N, C-alpha and C. Protein backbone atom coordinates (compact mmCIF):
# COMPACT_ATOMS: atom_id res chain seq x y z
N MET A 1 -33.12 41.01 58.42
CA MET A 1 -32.26 39.97 58.08
C MET A 1 -30.91 40.13 58.71
N ASN A 2 -30.35 39.09 59.17
CA ASN A 2 -28.97 39.38 59.84
C ASN A 2 -28.05 39.12 58.78
N HIS A 3 -26.79 39.41 59.13
CA HIS A 3 -25.67 39.32 58.30
C HIS A 3 -25.33 37.91 57.75
N CYS A 4 -25.52 36.93 58.55
CA CYS A 4 -25.25 35.60 57.99
C CYS A 4 -26.31 35.12 56.99
N SER A 5 -27.54 35.48 57.13
CA SER A 5 -28.59 34.94 56.26
C SER A 5 -28.41 35.69 54.86
N ALA A 6 -27.90 37.02 54.91
CA ALA A 6 -27.68 37.72 53.72
C ALA A 6 -26.54 37.13 52.82
N ILE A 7 -25.52 36.59 53.45
CA ILE A 7 -24.39 35.94 52.74
C ILE A 7 -24.92 34.58 52.19
N VAL A 8 -25.67 33.80 52.89
CA VAL A 8 -26.16 32.50 52.45
C VAL A 8 -27.09 32.82 51.26
N LEU A 9 -28.05 33.89 51.24
CA LEU A 9 -28.93 34.17 50.28
C LEU A 9 -28.12 34.55 48.96
N THR A 10 -27.05 35.37 49.13
CA THR A 10 -26.28 35.87 48.04
C THR A 10 -25.52 34.62 47.44
N VAL A 11 -25.05 33.67 48.14
CA VAL A 11 -24.33 32.44 47.54
C VAL A 11 -25.33 31.64 46.84
N LEU A 12 -26.52 31.43 47.44
CA LEU A 12 -27.47 30.65 46.73
C LEU A 12 -28.01 31.25 45.35
N LEU A 13 -28.08 32.61 45.49
CA LEU A 13 -28.57 33.24 44.23
C LEU A 13 -27.45 33.21 43.21
N GLY A 14 -26.19 33.30 43.65
CA GLY A 14 -25.06 33.28 42.74
C GLY A 14 -24.87 31.93 42.02
N LEU A 15 -25.13 30.78 42.74
CA LEU A 15 -24.94 29.56 42.24
C LEU A 15 -26.23 29.08 41.36
N GLY A 16 -27.23 29.67 41.52
CA GLY A 16 -28.62 29.32 40.80
C GLY A 16 -28.38 29.32 39.35
N PRO A 17 -27.93 30.29 38.66
CA PRO A 17 -27.85 30.37 37.26
C PRO A 17 -26.88 29.36 36.80
N VAL A 18 -25.78 29.08 37.38
CA VAL A 18 -24.78 28.14 36.97
C VAL A 18 -25.30 26.64 36.97
N MET A 19 -26.15 26.38 37.95
CA MET A 19 -26.61 25.03 38.03
C MET A 19 -27.80 24.79 37.06
N ALA A 20 -28.43 25.90 36.66
CA ALA A 20 -29.70 25.81 35.89
C ALA A 20 -29.40 26.18 34.48
N GLN A 21 -28.22 26.12 33.92
CA GLN A 21 -27.91 26.44 32.52
C GLN A 21 -28.55 25.45 31.63
N GLU A 22 -28.97 25.89 30.51
CA GLU A 22 -29.52 25.18 29.44
C GLU A 22 -28.50 24.63 28.57
N PRO A 23 -28.65 23.44 27.74
CA PRO A 23 -27.72 23.11 26.82
C PRO A 23 -27.49 24.18 25.69
N VAL A 24 -26.26 24.22 25.20
CA VAL A 24 -26.00 25.18 24.18
C VAL A 24 -26.72 24.90 22.90
N ALA A 25 -27.36 25.80 22.36
CA ALA A 25 -28.19 25.51 21.17
C ALA A 25 -27.19 25.50 19.96
N PRO A 26 -27.43 24.73 18.87
CA PRO A 26 -26.54 24.79 17.73
C PRO A 26 -26.44 26.14 17.04
N LEU A 27 -25.34 26.50 16.65
CA LEU A 27 -25.28 27.75 15.96
C LEU A 27 -25.94 27.78 14.61
N ARG A 28 -26.47 28.93 14.25
CA ARG A 28 -27.28 29.06 13.04
C ARG A 28 -26.59 29.99 12.09
N SER A 29 -25.32 29.96 12.03
CA SER A 29 -24.64 30.96 11.25
C SER A 29 -23.89 30.25 10.10
N SER A 30 -23.30 31.03 9.23
CA SER A 30 -22.41 30.54 8.15
C SER A 30 -21.25 29.86 8.62
N SER A 31 -20.67 30.37 9.70
CA SER A 31 -19.48 29.76 10.30
C SER A 31 -19.77 28.35 10.74
N ASP A 32 -20.94 28.07 11.16
CA ASP A 32 -21.35 26.81 11.64
C ASP A 32 -21.39 25.79 10.38
N ALA A 33 -21.94 26.20 9.31
CA ALA A 33 -22.02 25.42 8.11
C ALA A 33 -20.50 25.17 7.64
N GLY A 34 -19.69 26.21 7.71
CA GLY A 34 -18.21 26.02 7.25
C GLY A 34 -17.53 24.91 8.18
N GLN A 35 -17.93 25.08 9.51
CA GLN A 35 -17.40 24.10 10.35
C GLN A 35 -17.80 22.63 10.12
N ARG A 36 -19.00 22.53 9.76
CA ARG A 36 -19.44 21.03 9.32
C ARG A 36 -18.82 20.55 8.21
N VAL A 37 -18.57 21.43 7.10
CA VAL A 37 -17.76 21.01 6.00
C VAL A 37 -16.42 20.56 6.36
N PHE A 38 -15.69 21.37 7.13
CA PHE A 38 -14.41 21.13 7.50
C PHE A 38 -14.35 19.74 8.31
N ASP A 39 -15.26 19.49 9.26
CA ASP A 39 -15.36 18.29 10.06
C ASP A 39 -15.53 17.05 9.20
N GLN A 40 -16.34 17.21 8.13
CA GLN A 40 -16.64 16.05 7.20
C GLN A 40 -15.30 15.80 6.34
N ARG A 41 -14.60 16.75 5.97
CA ARG A 41 -13.37 16.59 5.16
C ARG A 41 -12.36 15.80 6.08
N ILE A 42 -12.29 16.28 7.30
CA ILE A 42 -11.26 15.67 8.16
C ILE A 42 -11.64 14.16 8.55
N ALA A 43 -12.94 13.97 8.65
CA ALA A 43 -13.41 12.65 8.98
C ALA A 43 -13.37 11.64 7.87
N ARG A 44 -13.25 12.16 6.67
CA ARG A 44 -13.25 11.27 5.46
C ARG A 44 -11.92 10.51 5.47
N PRO A 45 -11.96 9.20 5.25
CA PRO A 45 -10.66 8.45 5.13
C PRO A 45 -9.87 8.85 3.95
N VAL A 46 -8.61 8.90 4.11
CA VAL A 46 -7.68 9.24 3.03
C VAL A 46 -7.37 8.03 2.18
N ALA A 47 -7.67 8.28 0.98
CA ALA A 47 -7.44 7.19 -0.09
C ALA A 47 -6.03 6.80 -0.13
N ALA A 48 -5.81 5.61 -0.29
CA ALA A 48 -4.36 5.08 -0.36
C ALA A 48 -3.86 5.43 -1.73
N ASP A 49 -2.56 5.73 -1.69
CA ASP A 49 -1.90 6.11 -3.04
C ASP A 49 -1.73 4.80 -3.81
N THR A 50 -2.31 4.70 -4.97
CA THR A 50 -2.30 3.48 -5.73
C THR A 50 -1.20 3.68 -6.89
N THR A 51 -0.57 4.86 -6.94
CA THR A 51 0.34 5.03 -8.05
C THR A 51 1.41 3.94 -8.17
N VAL A 52 1.66 3.55 -9.30
CA VAL A 52 2.78 2.57 -9.56
C VAL A 52 3.95 3.33 -10.29
N HIS A 53 5.03 3.37 -9.65
CA HIS A 53 6.16 4.09 -10.38
C HIS A 53 7.06 3.06 -11.17
N GLU A 54 7.59 3.62 -12.22
CA GLU A 54 8.53 2.83 -13.07
C GLU A 54 9.85 2.91 -12.29
N LEU A 55 10.61 1.77 -12.60
CA LEU A 55 11.94 1.52 -11.93
C LEU A 55 12.81 2.82 -11.98
N GLY A 56 12.83 3.52 -13.10
CA GLY A 56 13.76 4.68 -13.21
C GLY A 56 13.30 5.91 -12.61
N GLU A 57 12.07 5.87 -12.04
CA GLU A 57 11.45 7.08 -11.50
C GLU A 57 11.74 7.21 -9.99
N VAL A 58 12.24 6.32 -9.33
CA VAL A 58 12.38 6.21 -7.95
C VAL A 58 13.82 6.56 -7.48
N ASP A 59 13.93 7.07 -6.23
CA ASP A 59 15.23 7.30 -5.71
C ASP A 59 16.02 6.08 -5.34
N ARG A 60 15.26 5.16 -4.68
CA ARG A 60 15.81 3.89 -4.37
C ARG A 60 14.98 2.68 -4.86
N PRO A 61 15.47 1.97 -5.83
CA PRO A 61 14.67 0.82 -6.33
C PRO A 61 14.51 -0.28 -5.36
N PRO A 62 13.51 -1.15 -5.60
CA PRO A 62 13.44 -2.29 -4.73
C PRO A 62 14.62 -3.26 -4.98
N VAL A 63 14.91 -3.97 -3.96
CA VAL A 63 16.02 -4.98 -3.97
C VAL A 63 15.57 -6.23 -3.37
N TYR A 64 15.89 -7.45 -4.02
CA TYR A 64 15.48 -8.65 -3.52
C TYR A 64 16.36 -8.97 -2.29
N ARG A 65 15.82 -9.45 -1.22
CA ARG A 65 16.59 -9.83 -0.03
C ARG A 65 17.36 -11.03 -0.36
N GLY A 66 18.61 -10.97 -0.36
CA GLY A 66 19.58 -11.99 -0.77
C GLY A 66 20.32 -11.68 -2.03
N GLY A 67 19.84 -10.61 -2.72
CA GLY A 67 20.51 -10.13 -3.96
C GLY A 67 19.98 -10.64 -5.32
N GLU A 68 20.45 -10.03 -6.26
CA GLU A 68 19.83 -10.35 -7.62
C GLU A 68 20.19 -11.83 -8.03
N GLU A 69 21.35 -12.26 -7.70
CA GLU A 69 21.87 -13.70 -8.03
C GLU A 69 20.92 -14.69 -7.38
N THR A 70 20.54 -14.45 -6.15
CA THR A 70 19.71 -15.42 -5.43
C THR A 70 18.43 -15.39 -6.14
N MET A 71 17.82 -14.21 -6.45
CA MET A 71 16.54 -14.04 -7.15
C MET A 71 16.53 -14.88 -8.42
N PHE A 72 17.56 -14.76 -9.23
CA PHE A 72 17.58 -15.53 -10.45
C PHE A 72 17.78 -16.97 -10.27
N ARG A 73 18.45 -17.40 -9.27
CA ARG A 73 18.62 -18.80 -9.00
C ARG A 73 17.23 -19.37 -8.56
N GLN A 74 16.47 -18.58 -7.78
CA GLN A 74 15.17 -19.09 -7.31
C GLN A 74 14.23 -19.10 -8.47
N LEU A 75 14.28 -18.18 -9.37
CA LEU A 75 13.44 -18.18 -10.69
C LEU A 75 13.74 -19.41 -11.52
N ALA A 76 15.04 -19.75 -11.65
CA ALA A 76 15.33 -20.83 -12.48
C ALA A 76 15.17 -22.23 -11.83
N GLN A 77 15.18 -22.35 -10.60
CA GLN A 77 15.03 -23.58 -9.86
C GLN A 77 14.08 -23.60 -8.67
N ALA A 78 12.88 -23.21 -9.06
CA ALA A 78 11.80 -23.27 -8.14
C ALA A 78 11.34 -24.69 -7.79
N PRO A 79 11.57 -25.32 -6.68
CA PRO A 79 11.37 -26.76 -6.40
C PRO A 79 9.89 -27.07 -6.41
N SER A 80 9.01 -26.17 -6.05
CA SER A 80 7.57 -26.37 -5.93
C SER A 80 6.85 -26.20 -7.25
N CYS A 81 7.65 -25.85 -8.38
CA CYS A 81 7.00 -25.48 -9.69
C CYS A 81 7.47 -26.58 -10.61
N THR A 82 6.54 -27.20 -11.46
CA THR A 82 6.85 -28.08 -12.48
C THR A 82 6.59 -27.47 -13.84
N MET A 83 7.43 -27.89 -14.75
CA MET A 83 7.28 -27.42 -16.12
C MET A 83 6.70 -28.58 -16.99
N ARG A 84 5.57 -28.19 -17.71
CA ARG A 84 4.99 -29.13 -18.68
C ARG A 84 6.16 -29.36 -19.70
N THR A 85 5.97 -30.41 -20.45
CA THR A 85 7.00 -30.80 -21.48
C THR A 85 7.12 -29.68 -22.54
N PRO A 86 8.24 -29.11 -22.73
CA PRO A 86 8.37 -28.00 -23.66
C PRO A 86 7.94 -28.46 -24.98
N GLU A 87 7.32 -27.53 -25.67
CA GLU A 87 6.86 -27.76 -27.04
C GLU A 87 7.97 -27.30 -28.05
N GLU A 88 7.87 -27.52 -29.29
CA GLU A 88 8.88 -27.06 -30.27
C GLU A 88 9.02 -25.62 -30.23
N ALA A 89 7.96 -24.85 -29.91
CA ALA A 89 8.05 -23.37 -29.84
C ALA A 89 9.05 -22.83 -28.85
N CYS A 90 9.18 -23.73 -27.80
CA CYS A 90 10.12 -23.30 -26.66
C CYS A 90 11.54 -23.35 -27.15
N THR A 91 11.87 -24.21 -28.06
CA THR A 91 13.25 -24.32 -28.47
C THR A 91 13.73 -22.98 -29.19
N SER A 92 12.89 -22.30 -29.76
CA SER A 92 13.27 -21.13 -30.47
C SER A 92 13.23 -19.91 -29.53
N SER A 93 12.45 -19.98 -28.52
CA SER A 93 12.40 -18.83 -27.52
C SER A 93 12.42 -19.34 -26.11
N THR A 94 13.53 -19.17 -25.46
CA THR A 94 13.63 -19.58 -24.08
C THR A 94 13.66 -18.35 -23.11
N ARG A 95 13.41 -17.33 -23.63
CA ARG A 95 13.34 -16.04 -22.77
C ARG A 95 12.03 -15.69 -22.39
N VAL A 96 11.75 -15.35 -21.01
CA VAL A 96 10.49 -14.96 -20.54
C VAL A 96 10.74 -13.65 -19.73
N VAL A 97 9.92 -12.69 -20.10
CA VAL A 97 10.10 -11.28 -19.46
C VAL A 97 8.86 -11.27 -18.39
N LEU A 98 9.28 -11.26 -17.09
CA LEU A 98 8.27 -11.14 -16.00
C LEU A 98 8.04 -9.69 -15.79
N ASN A 99 6.78 -9.39 -15.43
CA ASN A 99 6.41 -8.04 -15.23
C ASN A 99 5.62 -8.15 -13.87
N PHE A 100 5.97 -7.40 -12.82
CA PHE A 100 5.26 -7.41 -11.58
C PHE A 100 5.53 -6.21 -10.82
N ILE A 101 4.73 -5.98 -9.80
CA ILE A 101 4.71 -4.77 -8.95
C ILE A 101 5.29 -5.17 -7.57
N VAL A 102 6.32 -4.38 -7.03
CA VAL A 102 6.76 -4.54 -5.68
C VAL A 102 5.96 -3.63 -4.90
N GLU A 103 5.18 -4.13 -3.96
CA GLU A 103 4.39 -3.19 -3.12
C GLU A 103 5.17 -2.66 -2.01
N ARG A 104 4.51 -1.77 -1.27
CA ARG A 104 5.19 -0.87 -0.19
C ARG A 104 5.66 -1.85 0.91
N ASP A 105 5.04 -3.01 1.08
CA ASP A 105 5.58 -3.94 2.12
C ASP A 105 6.49 -5.01 1.62
N GLY A 106 6.86 -4.88 0.44
CA GLY A 106 7.98 -5.78 -0.16
C GLY A 106 7.33 -6.93 -0.88
N SER A 107 6.02 -7.18 -0.67
CA SER A 107 5.36 -8.29 -1.42
C SER A 107 5.21 -8.00 -2.94
N LEU A 108 4.90 -9.03 -3.68
CA LEU A 108 4.78 -8.82 -5.09
C LEU A 108 3.24 -9.00 -5.55
N SER A 109 2.90 -8.32 -6.55
CA SER A 109 1.41 -8.41 -7.03
C SER A 109 1.48 -8.25 -8.58
N ASN A 110 0.39 -8.59 -9.16
CA ASN A 110 0.15 -8.36 -10.61
C ASN A 110 1.24 -8.94 -11.51
N ALA A 111 1.67 -10.20 -11.12
CA ALA A 111 2.69 -10.80 -11.97
C ALA A 111 2.25 -11.39 -13.27
N ILE A 112 2.82 -10.98 -14.31
CA ILE A 112 2.41 -11.51 -15.59
C ILE A 112 3.66 -11.79 -16.46
N ALA A 113 3.63 -12.67 -17.31
CA ALA A 113 4.66 -12.96 -18.39
C ALA A 113 4.20 -12.22 -19.59
N GLU A 114 5.09 -11.35 -20.17
CA GLU A 114 4.87 -10.63 -21.35
C GLU A 114 4.75 -11.45 -22.56
N GLU A 115 3.98 -10.89 -23.51
CA GLU A 115 3.75 -11.65 -24.74
C GLU A 115 4.94 -12.19 -25.44
N GLY A 116 4.88 -13.20 -26.16
CA GLY A 116 6.00 -13.77 -26.95
C GLY A 116 6.66 -14.86 -26.25
N ALA A 117 6.37 -15.18 -25.05
CA ALA A 117 7.07 -16.29 -24.29
C ALA A 117 6.37 -17.61 -24.62
N CYS A 118 7.16 -18.66 -24.53
CA CYS A 118 6.64 -20.02 -24.71
C CYS A 118 5.70 -20.29 -23.54
N ALA A 119 4.47 -20.78 -23.82
CA ALA A 119 3.48 -21.00 -22.77
C ALA A 119 4.02 -21.89 -21.57
N PRO A 120 4.70 -23.04 -21.79
CA PRO A 120 5.15 -23.81 -20.66
C PRO A 120 6.19 -23.05 -19.83
N LEU A 121 7.07 -22.30 -20.55
CA LEU A 121 8.10 -21.55 -19.81
C LEU A 121 7.47 -20.45 -19.05
N ALA A 122 6.45 -19.78 -19.63
CA ALA A 122 5.79 -18.62 -18.98
C ALA A 122 5.11 -19.16 -17.74
N GLY A 123 4.42 -20.25 -17.82
CA GLY A 123 3.78 -20.84 -16.65
C GLY A 123 4.74 -21.17 -15.58
N TYR A 124 5.83 -21.79 -15.92
CA TYR A 124 6.81 -22.08 -14.92
C TYR A 124 7.38 -20.81 -14.30
N ALA A 125 7.66 -19.79 -15.10
CA ALA A 125 8.20 -18.48 -14.61
C ALA A 125 7.30 -17.86 -13.66
N LEU A 126 5.98 -17.89 -13.96
CA LEU A 126 4.94 -17.26 -13.06
C LEU A 126 4.73 -18.01 -11.80
N CYS A 127 4.88 -19.32 -11.84
CA CYS A 127 4.90 -20.13 -10.58
C CYS A 127 6.11 -19.73 -9.71
N ALA A 128 7.30 -19.65 -10.39
CA ALA A 128 8.43 -19.33 -9.70
C ALA A 128 8.41 -18.00 -9.14
N VAL A 129 7.92 -17.03 -9.78
CA VAL A 129 7.87 -15.65 -9.19
C VAL A 129 6.98 -15.58 -7.96
N ARG A 130 6.03 -16.36 -7.91
CA ARG A 130 5.11 -16.47 -6.80
C ARG A 130 5.79 -17.05 -5.56
N THR A 131 6.78 -17.77 -5.73
CA THR A 131 7.55 -18.42 -4.62
C THR A 131 8.62 -17.49 -4.04
N LEU A 132 8.90 -16.38 -4.71
CA LEU A 132 9.93 -15.48 -4.20
C LEU A 132 9.56 -14.78 -2.79
N GLY A 133 10.52 -14.61 -2.07
CA GLY A 133 10.27 -13.88 -0.76
C GLY A 133 10.04 -12.38 -0.97
N ARG A 134 10.12 -11.72 0.03
CA ARG A 134 9.81 -10.28 -0.01
C ARG A 134 11.04 -9.61 -0.47
N PHE A 135 10.81 -8.39 -1.14
CA PHE A 135 11.80 -7.46 -1.59
C PHE A 135 12.02 -6.38 -0.45
N THR A 136 13.10 -5.67 -0.49
CA THR A 136 13.21 -4.46 0.31
C THR A 136 12.48 -3.34 -0.65
N PRO A 137 11.33 -2.83 -0.22
CA PRO A 137 10.60 -1.93 -1.10
C PRO A 137 11.34 -0.73 -1.68
N GLY A 138 10.89 -0.22 -2.68
CA GLY A 138 11.49 1.03 -3.26
C GLY A 138 11.00 2.33 -2.59
N SER A 139 11.70 3.40 -2.71
CA SER A 139 11.26 4.63 -2.07
C SER A 139 11.50 5.81 -2.93
N ASP A 140 10.74 6.83 -2.88
CA ASP A 140 10.88 8.09 -3.53
C ASP A 140 10.67 9.23 -2.61
N GLN A 141 11.72 10.05 -2.50
CA GLN A 141 11.59 11.20 -1.58
C GLN A 141 11.29 10.80 -0.16
N GLY A 142 11.84 9.60 0.22
CA GLY A 142 11.66 9.23 1.66
C GLY A 142 10.44 8.43 1.90
N ARG A 143 9.58 8.24 0.93
CA ARG A 143 8.30 7.48 1.12
C ARG A 143 8.40 6.22 0.39
N LEU A 144 7.88 5.17 1.05
CA LEU A 144 7.75 3.84 0.37
C LEU A 144 6.75 3.92 -0.72
N VAL A 145 7.13 3.40 -1.92
CA VAL A 145 6.20 3.45 -3.08
C VAL A 145 6.17 2.20 -3.73
N ARG A 146 5.09 1.96 -4.56
CA ARG A 146 4.89 0.75 -5.37
C ARG A 146 5.73 0.95 -6.66
N VAL A 147 6.48 -0.07 -7.06
CA VAL A 147 7.36 0.04 -8.20
C VAL A 147 7.17 -1.12 -9.18
N ARG A 148 6.95 -0.83 -10.44
CA ARG A 148 6.80 -1.96 -11.47
C ARG A 148 8.19 -2.37 -11.82
N MET A 149 8.46 -3.71 -11.88
CA MET A 149 9.65 -4.24 -12.29
C MET A 149 9.52 -5.16 -13.53
N ARG A 150 10.50 -5.19 -14.40
CA ARG A 150 10.43 -6.08 -15.56
C ARG A 150 11.83 -6.80 -15.42
N VAL A 151 11.69 -8.16 -15.27
CA VAL A 151 12.72 -9.00 -15.12
C VAL A 151 12.81 -10.07 -16.25
N PRO A 152 13.90 -9.98 -17.20
CA PRO A 152 14.02 -10.98 -18.16
C PRO A 152 14.69 -12.19 -17.64
N VAL A 153 14.14 -13.39 -17.92
CA VAL A 153 14.81 -14.68 -17.48
C VAL A 153 14.95 -15.59 -18.77
N THR A 154 16.18 -16.03 -18.83
CA THR A 154 16.44 -17.00 -20.04
C THR A 154 16.71 -18.42 -19.38
N TYR A 155 15.89 -19.34 -19.91
CA TYR A 155 16.04 -20.71 -19.41
C TYR A 155 16.77 -21.52 -20.42
N GLU A 156 17.53 -22.48 -19.89
CA GLU A 156 18.28 -23.49 -20.77
C GLU A 156 17.46 -24.73 -20.74
N LEU A 157 16.98 -25.12 -21.80
CA LEU A 157 16.28 -26.43 -21.84
C LEU A 157 17.20 -27.56 -22.13
N ARG A 158 17.05 -28.71 -21.30
CA ARG A 158 17.97 -29.72 -21.40
C ARG A 158 17.15 -31.04 -21.61
């Protein structure tokens, strides 16, 4: 064999095993099982934090865009809401306490009128709270959080 054919033969034999490798078989050890558990935990979606904080628990409370005065004006005079004729019960109680959650995006959810409010006024107040725009959301330790708010509104019946 001459010198050139020995080099070609060596090169071909050297490349042979690289080109003919078989796929890697799955590991059959405890570390493989541990890796699978880790991969499943990483792939699992993170559950959204549904905690609702009370107003006094947060570093920065939610603020209505336009201010508190604007919010109360809109609650008192919501043009798209109509009040049924107030009953006699409304003359003794014109106060409605609204309870709602300011979400992380500033929207409102779970609006209710607390017990003891006159039904026509409570209905009007709930309609009015649904017409409010977004709030600047509350935050705690630099994170946006859901915050429960209680807003007392007193109506003047005329």
